[in-house]
Amino acid sequence: MDYIEIGKELKERRRASGKSIEEVSADIQVDTRKLKALEEGDYSFFEDINFFQLFYRTYARYLGILKDAESQPFQEDEEEELEFSKHPRRPGLKHYLIAVSLTFLLLFIGYRSYISLIGIDNGEPKVIAPTQPPEDEKPINEPPVDIEPVKPPLEKIVIVQIEVIKDRCWVQVNVDEEEIPALRKILTPGEKYEFKGKKEVRLWVGNAGVLNVLVDGILQPSLGTEGEVRRDVVYHPISR
C-alpha cells in the first residue's frame, strides 16, 4: 500500500476545496499534527496502523473522497501492522527515574515497617512486660447481647454490550483503567461483545453511527453519526 500517494490525494483535495489545515482540524476535531501526518503518508506517527486507517477514513469522508466503506483504498494489512509493531515507542528517561524513585520509597517504607514490627529501639530489641489483670478484679457475668449479622456491601458493577449493526467499525475497549485493552479490532456487522467493569468501561470508537451500546441491558443513545470518531466514552457502575 502506497501511503505517500494516499496522503498526496488528501492534500490535493483539501487545497482544491480552499481549506487550510487549521480549518479542517476545527471542523472534524482532529489535531493538525495528525492531519499533516496523514497528508505525508506517515503512518509511523500513529500508535498503530489501525489508528492511521481510522483517522484517514474520517478525513477522506470530510473531503468527499470516500462515500462509503466499500470505496476505501485499503483493507486490514496484517503484514504492515506487524512491521509497524516492531518499532514500539520506548519509555523516556522520566519514566525510568519515576520507577527508580518509587522502588526506593517502597523499600524504605518496608524497612521502617519491619523495624516497628519486631520492636527495635536504638538498635536494641524492646522488652514488653506481659500485662496481668488485678487480683481483686472479678469477671462480670453480663447477659448475652443479640448481634445482628453485618450485611455485605452491595456489589457495584457495570455491564456494557456492543454490537455492530452495519458497515465496519473500529473499536477499542479498556476495563477498570487497565492499560492493556480488553478489545481492539475492526468489527464487522453482527459482531457482539460484552464487558464487565467494577470501576468503568471506556470506549474508543470509529464510525460511531453503526454501533449499538447497551448498559445494564438498556439501549443507549447513538454515540454519533456514521464516520464520526468518539474518544473516551466512559460508563460507570451503579449499585446493584
C-alpha atoms as a PDB file:
ATOM      1  CA  MET A   1       0.000   0.000   0.000  1.00  0.00           C
ATOM      2  CA  ASP A   2       1.462   3.372  -1.079  1.00  0.00           C
ATOM      3  CA  TYR A   3       0.675   5.660   1.860  1.00  0.00           C
ATOM      4  CA  ILE A   4       2.540   8.538   0.200  1.00  0.00           C
ATOM      5  CA  GLU A   5       0.030   8.526  -2.686  1.00  0.00           C
ATOM      6  CA  ILE A   6      -2.884   8.302  -0.255  1.00  0.00           C
ATOM      7  CA  GLY A   7      -1.584  11.344   1.630  1.00  0.00           C
ATOM      8  CA  LYS A   8      -0.933  13.226  -1.607  1.00  0.00           C
ATOM      9  CA  GLU A   9      -4.555  12.732  -2.652  1.00  0.00           C
ATOM     10  CA  LEU A  10      -5.757  14.130   0.700  1.00  0.00           C
ATOM     11  CA  LYS A  11      -3.558  17.220   0.397  1.00  0.00           C
ATOM     12  CA  GLU A  12      -4.600  17.922  -3.218  1.00  0.00           C
ATOM     13  CA  ARG A  13      -8.299  17.527  -2.414  1.00  0.00           C
ATOM     14  CA  ARG A  14      -8.005  19.843   0.621  1.00  0.00           C
ATOM     15  CA  ARG A  15      -6.203  22.525  -1.365  1.00  0.00           C
ATOM     16  CA  ALA A  16      -8.784  22.249  -4.133  1.00  0.00           C
ATOM     17  CA  SER A  17     -11.522  22.864  -1.557  1.00  0.00           C
ATOM     18  CA  GLY A  18      -9.765  26.030  -0.380  1.00  0.00           C
ATOM     19  CA  LYS A  19      -9.476  24.764   3.186  1.00  0.00           C
ATOM     20  CA  SER A  20      -6.466  25.210   5.444  1.00  0.00           C
ATOM     21  CA  ILE A  21      -5.166  22.542   7.811  1.00  0.00           C
ATOM     22  CA  GLU A  22      -6.427  24.613  10.752  1.00  0.00           C
ATOM     23  CA  GLU A  23      -9.941  24.923   9.292  1.00  0.00           C
ATOM     24  CA  VAL A  24     -10.182  21.168   8.684  1.00  0.00           C
ATOM     25  CA  SER A  25      -8.929  20.490  12.222  1.00  0.00           C
ATOM     26  CA  ALA A  26     -11.671  22.698  13.686  1.00  0.00           C
ATOM     27  CA  ASP A  27     -14.367  21.060  11.520  1.00  0.00           C
ATOM     28  CA  ILE A  28     -13.604  17.389  12.291  1.00  0.00           C
ATOM     29  CA  GLN A  29     -11.938  17.819  15.723  1.00  0.00           C
ATOM     30  CA  VAL A  30      -8.646  16.156  14.719  1.00  0.00           C
ATOM     31  CA  ASP A  31      -5.274  17.606  15.741  1.00  0.00           C
ATOM     32  CA  THR A  32      -3.363  19.414  12.968  1.00  0.00           C
ATOM     33  CA  ARG A  33      -0.281  17.236  13.565  1.00  0.00           C
ATOM     34  CA  LYS A  34      -2.298  14.119  12.756  1.00  0.00           C
ATOM     35  CA  LEU A  35      -3.722  15.761   9.621  1.00  0.00           C
ATOM     36  CA  LYS A  36      -0.223  16.687   8.425  1.00  0.00           C
ATOM     37  CA  ALA A  37       0.983  13.135   9.111  1.00  0.00           C
ATOM     38  CA  LEU A  38      -1.941  11.790   7.044  1.00  0.00           C
ATOM     39  CA  GLU A  39      -1.127  14.106   4.136  1.00  0.00           C
ATOM     40  CA  GLU A  40       2.516  12.996   4.248  1.00  0.00           C
ATOM     41  CA  GLY A  41       1.554   9.319   4.434  1.00  0.00           C
ATOM     42  CA  ASP A  42       3.481   8.969   7.691  1.00  0.00           C
ATOM     43  CA  TYR A  43       1.650   6.101   9.426  1.00  0.00           C
ATOM     44  CA  SER A  44       4.532   5.701  11.923  1.00  0.00           C
ATOM     45  CA  PHE A  45       3.307   8.902  13.614  1.00  0.00           C
ATOM     46  CA  PHE A  46       0.278   6.973  14.920  1.00  0.00           C
ATOM     47  CA  GLU A  47       0.097   4.396  17.696  1.00  0.00           C
ATOM     48  CA  ASP A  48      -0.567   1.610  15.208  1.00  0.00           C
ATOM     49  CA  ILE A  49      -1.820   1.115  11.650  1.00  0.00           C
ATOM     50  CA  ASN A  50      -5.456   0.897  12.806  1.00  0.00           C
ATOM     51  CA  PHE A  51      -5.305   4.472  14.108  1.00  0.00           C
ATOM     52  CA  PHE A  52      -3.907   5.650  10.755  1.00  0.00           C
ATOM     53  CA  GLN A  53      -6.797   3.974   8.925  1.00  0.00           C
ATOM     54  CA  LEU A  54      -9.322   5.332  11.420  1.00  0.00           C
ATOM     55  CA  PHE A  55      -8.255   8.969  11.023  1.00  0.00           C
ATOM     56  CA  TYR A  56      -7.815   8.544   7.277  1.00  0.00           C
ATOM     57  CA  ARG A  57     -11.448   7.475   6.843  1.00  0.00           C
ATOM     58  CA  THR A  58     -12.656  10.464   8.891  1.00  0.00           C
ATOM     59  CA  TYR A  59     -10.559  12.894   6.835  1.00  0.00           C
ATOM     60  CA  ALA A  60     -11.406  11.253   3.493  1.00  0.00           C
ATOM     61  CA  ARG A  61     -15.167  11.318   4.176  1.00  0.00           C
ATOM     62  CA  TYR A  62     -14.920  15.006   5.092  1.00  0.00           C
ATOM     63  CA  LEU A  63     -13.190  15.776   1.769  1.00  0.00           C
ATOM     64  CA  GLY A  64     -15.643  13.622  -0.190  1.00  0.00           C
ATOM     65  CA  ILE A  65     -13.034  11.055  -1.256  1.00  0.00           C
ATOM     66  CA  LEU A  66     -14.885   8.225   0.481  1.00  0.00           C
ATOM     67  CA  LYS A  67     -18.627   7.860   0.070  1.00  0.00           C
ATOM     68  CA  ASP A  68     -18.965   4.573   1.994  1.00  0.00           C
ATOM     69  CA  ALA A  69     -16.881   1.709   3.376  1.00  0.00           C
ATOM     70  CA  GLU A  70     -16.766  -0.101   0.007  1.00  0.00           C
ATOM     71  CA  SER A  71     -14.670   2.657  -1.596  1.00  0.00           C
ATOM     72  CA  GLN A  72     -11.867   2.781   0.951  1.00  0.00           C
ATOM     73  CA  PRO A  73      -8.418   2.283  -0.672  1.00  0.00           C
ATOM     74  CA  PHE A  74      -7.170  -0.367   1.757  1.00  0.00           C
ATOM     75  CA  GLN A  75      -8.311  -3.239   3.934  1.00  0.00           C
ATOM     76  CA  GLU A  76      -6.601  -4.580   7.064  1.00  0.00           C
ATOM     77  CA  ASP A  77      -2.976  -5.166   6.211  1.00  0.00           C
ATOM     78  CA  GLU A  78      -1.624  -7.594   8.781  1.00  0.00           C
ATOM     79  CA  GLU A  79       1.906  -7.560   7.385  1.00  0.00           C
ATOM     80  CA  GLU A  80       2.191  -3.764   7.630  1.00  0.00           C
ATOM     81  CA  GLU A  81       0.691  -3.766  11.107  1.00  0.00           C
ATOM     82  CA  LEU A  82       3.277  -6.400  12.126  1.00  0.00           C
ATOM     83  CA  GLU A  83       6.088  -4.303  10.671  1.00  0.00           C
ATOM     84  CA  PHE A  84       4.789  -1.225  12.498  1.00  0.00           C
ATOM     85  CA  SER A  85       4.674  -3.154  15.811  1.00  0.00           C
ATOM     86  CA  LYS A  86       8.400  -3.977  15.523  1.00  0.00           C
ATOM     87  CA  HIS A  87       9.193  -0.349  16.416  1.00  0.00           C
ATOM     88  CA  PRO A  88       7.257   0.455  19.596  1.00  0.00           C
ATOM     89  CA  ARG A  89       7.779   3.719  21.385  1.00  0.00           C
ATOM     90  CA  ARG A  90      10.336   3.364  24.153  1.00  0.00           C
ATOM     91  CA  PRO A  91       9.794   4.829  27.613  1.00  0.00           C
ATOM     92  CA  GLY A  92      11.764   8.009  28.248  1.00  0.00           C
ATOM     93  CA  LEU A  93      14.267   8.862  30.978  1.00  0.00           C
ATOM     94  CA  LYS A  94      11.487  10.464  33.033  1.00  0.00           C
ATOM     95  CA  HIS A  95       9.678   7.138  33.310  1.00  0.00           C
ATOM     96  CA  TYR A  96      12.838   5.344  34.457  1.00  0.00           C
ATOM     97  CA  LEU A  97      13.536   7.986  37.135  1.00  0.00           C
ATOM     98  CA  ILE A  98       9.979   7.724  38.459  1.00  0.00           C
ATOM     99  CA  ALA A  99      10.230   3.920  38.604  1.00  0.00           C
ATOM    100  CA  VAL A 100      13.551   4.045  40.483  1.00  0.00           C
ATOM    101  CA  SER A 101      12.217   6.640  42.963  1.00  0.00           C
ATOM    102  CA  LEU A 102       9.128   4.562  43.692  1.00  0.00           C
ATOM    103  CA  THR A 103      11.269   1.444  44.216  1.00  0.00           C
ATOM    104  CA  PHE A 104      13.465   3.172  46.831  1.00  0.00           C
ATOM    105  CA  LEU A 105      10.405   4.647  48.545  1.00  0.00           C
ATOM    106  CA  LEU A 106       8.757   1.224  48.836  1.00  0.00           C
ATOM    107  CA  LEU A 107      11.984  -0.307  50.206  1.00  0.00           C
ATOM    108  CA  PHE A 108      12.269   2.421  52.842  1.00  0.00           C
ATOM    109  CA  ILE A 109       8.629   2.023  53.933  1.00  0.00           C
ATOM    110  CA  GLY A 110       9.081  -1.758  54.141  1.00  0.00           C
ATOM    111  CA  TYR A 111      12.234  -1.397  56.262  1.00  0.00           C
ATOM    112  CA  ARG A 112      10.531   1.009  58.703  1.00  0.00           C
ATOM    113  CA  SER A 113       7.553  -1.314  58.981  1.00  0.00           C
ATOM    114  CA  TYR A 114       9.845  -4.263  59.736  1.00  0.00           C
ATOM    115  CA  ILE A 115      11.691  -2.297  62.454  1.00  0.00           C
ATOM    116  CA  SER A 116       8.377  -1.292  64.032  1.00  0.00           C
ATOM    117  CA  LEU A 117       7.069  -4.853  63.883  1.00  0.00           C
ATOM    118  CA  ILE A 118       9.989  -6.527  65.676  1.00  0.00           C
ATOM    119  CA  GLY A 119      10.256  -3.677  68.222  1.00  0.00           C
ATOM    120  CA  ILE A 120      13.837  -2.440  67.798  1.00  0.00           C
ATOM    121  CA  ASP A 121      14.652   0.847  69.565  1.00  0.00           C
ATOM    122  CA  ASN A 122      18.137   2.386  69.086  1.00  0.00           C
ATOM    123  CA  GLY A 123      19.497  -0.941  67.898  1.00  0.00           C
ATOM    124  CA  GLU A 124      18.211  -2.873  70.927  1.00  0.00           C
ATOM    125  CA  PRO A 125      15.052  -5.002  70.961  1.00  0.00           C
ATOM    126  CA  LYS A 126      12.273  -3.733  73.218  1.00  0.00           C
ATOM    127  CA  VAL A 127      11.205  -5.912  76.151  1.00  0.00           C
ATOM    128  CA  ILE A 128       7.479  -5.691  76.709  1.00  0.00           C
ATOM    129  CA  ALA A 129       6.282  -6.911  80.091  1.00  0.00           C
ATOM    130  CA  PRO A 130       3.175  -9.057  79.962  1.00  0.00           C
ATOM    131  CA  THR A 131       0.088  -7.448  81.438  1.00  0.00           C
ATOM    132  CA  GLN A 132      -1.929  -9.255  84.069  1.00  0.00           C
ATOM    133  CA  PRO A 133      -5.368  -8.369  85.407  1.00  0.00           C
ATOM    134  CA  PRO A 134      -5.575  -7.127  89.047  1.00  0.00           C
ATOM    135  CA  GLU A 135      -6.117  -9.872  91.617  1.00  0.00           C
ATOM    136  CA  ASP A 136      -9.233  -8.242  93.068  1.00  0.00           C
ATOM    137  CA  GLU A 137     -10.877  -7.891  89.648  1.00  0.00           C
ATOM    138  CA  LYS A 138     -13.577 -10.485  89.105  1.00  0.00           C
ATOM    139  CA  PRO A 139     -15.252 -11.298  85.809  1.00  0.00           C
ATOM    140  CA  ILE A 140     -18.728  -9.832  85.431  1.00  0.00           C
ATOM    141  CA  ASN A 141     -21.392 -12.077  84.051  1.00  0.00           C
ATOM    142  CA  GLU A 142     -23.245  -9.964  81.546  1.00  0.00           C
ATOM    143  CA  PRO A 143     -26.381 -11.060  79.717  1.00  0.00           C
ATOM    144  CA  PRO A 144     -25.794 -12.081  76.120  1.00  0.00           C
ATOM    145  CA  VAL A 145     -26.393  -9.402  73.510  1.00  0.00           C
ATOM    146  CA  ASP A 146     -28.053 -10.208  70.234  1.00  0.00           C
ATOM    147  CA  ILE A 147     -25.767  -9.050  67.452  1.00  0.00           C
ATOM    148  CA  GLU A 148     -27.276  -8.571  64.058  1.00  0.00           C
ATOM    149  CA  PRO A 149     -25.170 -10.043  61.256  1.00  0.00           C
ATOM    150  CA  VAL A 150     -23.378  -7.476  59.149  1.00  0.00           C
ATOM    151  CA  LYS A 151     -24.722  -7.389  55.649  1.00  0.00           C
ATOM    152  CA  PRO A 152     -22.065  -7.379  52.930  1.00  0.00           C
ATOM    153  CA  PRO A 153     -21.981  -4.202  50.834  1.00  0.00           C
ATOM    154  CA  LEU A 154     -23.831  -4.276  47.566  1.00  0.00           C
ATOM    155  CA  GLU A 155     -21.564  -5.083  44.655  1.00  0.00           C
ATOM    156  CA  LYS A 156     -21.165  -2.337  42.095  1.00  0.00           C
ATOM    157  CA  ILE A 157     -20.599  -3.379  38.504  1.00  0.00           C
ATOM    158  CA  VAL A 158     -21.357  -2.072  35.030  1.00  0.00           C
ATOM    159  CA  ILE A 159     -22.154  -4.366  32.108  1.00  0.00           C
ATOM    160  CA  VAL A 160     -21.575  -2.906  28.639  1.00  0.00           C
ATOM    161  CA  GLN A 161     -22.645  -4.734  25.466  1.00  0.00           C
ATOM    162  CA  ILE A 162     -21.700  -3.563  21.977  1.00  0.00           C
ATOM    163  CA  GLU A 163     -22.971  -4.704  18.571  1.00  0.00           C
ATOM    164  CA  VAL A 164     -22.152  -3.520  15.048  1.00  0.00           C
ATOM    165  CA  ILE A 165     -25.396  -3.139  13.091  1.00  0.00           C
ATOM    166  CA  LYS A 166     -23.931  -2.259   9.673  1.00  0.00           C
ATOM    167  CA  ASP A 167     -20.679  -1.359   7.953  1.00  0.00           C
ATOM    168  CA  ARG A 168     -17.308  -1.913   9.662  1.00  0.00           C
ATOM    169  CA  CYS A 169     -16.345  -0.183  12.920  1.00  0.00           C
ATOM    170  CA  TRP A 170     -13.008   0.120  14.715  1.00  0.00           C
ATOM    171  CA  VAL A 171     -13.415  -0.277  18.498  1.00  0.00           C
ATOM    172  CA  GLN A 172     -11.063  -0.152  21.497  1.00  0.00           C
ATOM    173  CA  VAL A 173     -12.341  -1.103  24.985  1.00  0.00           C
ATOM    174  CA  ASN A 174     -10.484  -0.617  28.284  1.00  0.00           C
ATOM    175  CA  VAL A 175     -11.903  -2.048  31.529  1.00  0.00           C
ATOM    176  CA  ASP A 176     -11.162  -0.683  35.039  1.00  0.00           C
ATOM    177  CA  GLU A 177      -8.322   1.605  33.923  1.00  0.00           C
ATOM    178  CA  GLU A 178      -6.227  -1.323  32.645  1.00  0.00           C
ATOM    179  CA  GLU A 179      -3.511  -0.156  30.228  1.00  0.00           C
ATOM    180  CA  ILE A 180      -3.896  -3.238  28.011  1.00  0.00           C
ATOM    181  CA  PRO A 181      -7.194  -3.005  26.067  1.00  0.00           C
ATOM    182  CA  ALA A 182      -9.757  -5.747  26.599  1.00  0.00           C
ATOM    183  CA  LEU A 183     -10.585  -5.380  22.880  1.00  0.00           C
ATOM    184  CA  ARG A 184      -9.012  -3.511  19.974  1.00  0.00           C
ATOM    185  CA  LYS A 185     -10.018  -4.506  16.466  1.00  0.00           C
ATOM    186  CA  ILE A 186     -12.161  -3.685  13.454  1.00  0.00           C
ATOM    187  CA  LEU A 187     -15.604  -5.253  13.905  1.00  0.00           C
ATOM    188  CA  THR A 188     -17.931  -6.376  11.131  1.00  0.00           C
ATOM    189  CA  PRO A 189     -21.756  -6.257  11.118  1.00  0.00           C
ATOM    190  CA  GLY A 190     -23.327  -8.709  13.567  1.00  0.00           C
ATOM    191  CA  GLU A 191     -20.334  -8.984  15.927  1.00  0.00           C
ATOM    192  CA  LYS A 192     -21.258  -8.645  19.616  1.00  0.00           C
ATOM    193  CA  TYR A 193     -19.134  -8.305  22.769  1.00  0.00           C
ATOM    194  CA  GLU A 194     -19.858  -7.899  26.482  1.00  0.00           C
ATOM    195  CA  PHE A 195     -17.627  -6.281  29.112  1.00  0.00           C
ATOM    196  CA  LYS A 196     -17.987  -6.069  32.919  1.00  0.00           C
ATOM    197  CA  GLY A 197     -16.228  -3.428  34.978  1.00  0.00           C
ATOM    198  CA  LYS A 198     -16.081  -2.700  38.701  1.00  0.00           C
ATOM    199  CA  LYS A 199     -14.880   0.871  38.134  1.00  0.00           C
ATOM    200  CA  GLU A 200     -15.557   1.738  34.496  1.00  0.00           C
ATOM    201  CA  VAL A 201     -15.745   0.596  30.887  1.00  0.00           C
ATOM    202  CA  ARG A 202     -14.138   3.059  28.414  1.00  0.00           C
ATOM    203  CA  LEU A 203     -14.745   3.057  24.626  1.00  0.00           C
ATOM    204  CA  TRP A 204     -12.887   4.500  21.634  1.00  0.00           C
ATOM    205  CA  VAL A 205     -14.989   4.191  18.501  1.00  0.00           C
ATOM    206  CA  GLY A 206     -14.537   4.962  14.836  1.00  0.00           C
ATOM    207  CA  ASN A 207     -17.657   5.117  12.630  1.00  0.00           C
ATOM    208  CA  ALA A 208     -19.763   5.707  15.754  1.00  0.00           C
ATOM    209  CA  GLY A 209     -23.134   5.708  13.985  1.00  0.00           C
ATOM    210  CA  VAL A 210     -23.058   1.958  13.219  1.00  0.00           C
ATOM    211  CA  LEU A 211     -22.551   0.758  16.824  1.00  0.00           C
ATOM    212  CA  ASN A 212     -25.299  -0.125  19.316  1.00  0.00           C
ATOM    213  CA  VAL A 213     -24.357   0.163  23.021  1.00  0.00           C
ATOM    214  CA  LEU A 214     -26.361  -1.382  25.881  1.00  0.00           C
ATOM    215  CA  VAL A 215     -25.527  -0.533  29.506  1.00  0.00           C
ATOM    216  CA  ASP A 216     -27.001  -2.926  32.078  1.00  0.00           C
ATOM    217  CA  GLY A 217     -29.378  -4.136  29.384  1.00  0.00           C
ATOM    218  CA  ILE A 218     -30.615  -0.635  28.430  1.00  0.00           C
ATOM    219  CA  LEU A 219     -30.020   0.620  24.867  1.00  0.00           C
ATOM    220  CA  GLN A 220     -28.079   3.900  24.940  1.00  0.00           C
ATOM    221  CA  PRO A 221     -28.453   6.903  22.592  1.00  0.00           C
ATOM    222  CA  SER A 222     -26.319   6.699  19.464  1.00  0.00           C
ATOM    223  CA  LEU A 223     -22.671   7.644  20.043  1.00  0.00           C
ATOM    224  CA  GLY A 224     -22.644   9.742  16.886  1.00  0.00           C
ATOM    225  CA  THR A 225     -23.038   9.709  13.125  1.00  0.00           C
ATOM    226  CA  GLU A 226     -21.530   7.355  10.550  1.00  0.00           C
ATOM    227  CA  GLY A 227     -17.839   8.091  10.091  1.00  0.00           C
ATOM    228  CA  GLU A 228     -17.617  10.062  13.353  1.00  0.00           C
ATOM    229  CA  VAL A 229     -14.803   9.276  15.815  1.00  0.00           C
ATOM    230  CA  ARG A 230     -15.635   9.184  19.553  1.00  0.00           C
ATOM    231  CA  ARG A 231     -12.948   9.015  22.225  1.00  0.00           C
ATOM    232  CA  ASP A 232     -13.135   8.282  25.948  1.00  0.00           C
ATOM    233  CA  VAL A 233     -16.801   7.321  26.163  1.00  0.00           C
ATOM    234  CA  VAL A 234     -16.968   6.118  29.800  1.00  0.00           C
ATOM    235  CA  TYR A 235     -19.651   4.099  31.597  1.00  0.00           C
ATOM    236  CA  HIS A 236     -19.558   3.758  35.404  1.00  0.00           C
ATOM    237  CA  PRO A 237     -21.282   1.170  37.632  1.00  0.00           C
ATOM    238  CA  ILE A 238     -24.339   1.787  39.798  1.00  0.00           C
ATOM    239  CA  SER A 239     -25.431  -0.026  42.966  1.00  0.00           C
ATOM    240  CA  ARG A 240     -26.953  -3.390  42.127  1.00  0.00           C
END
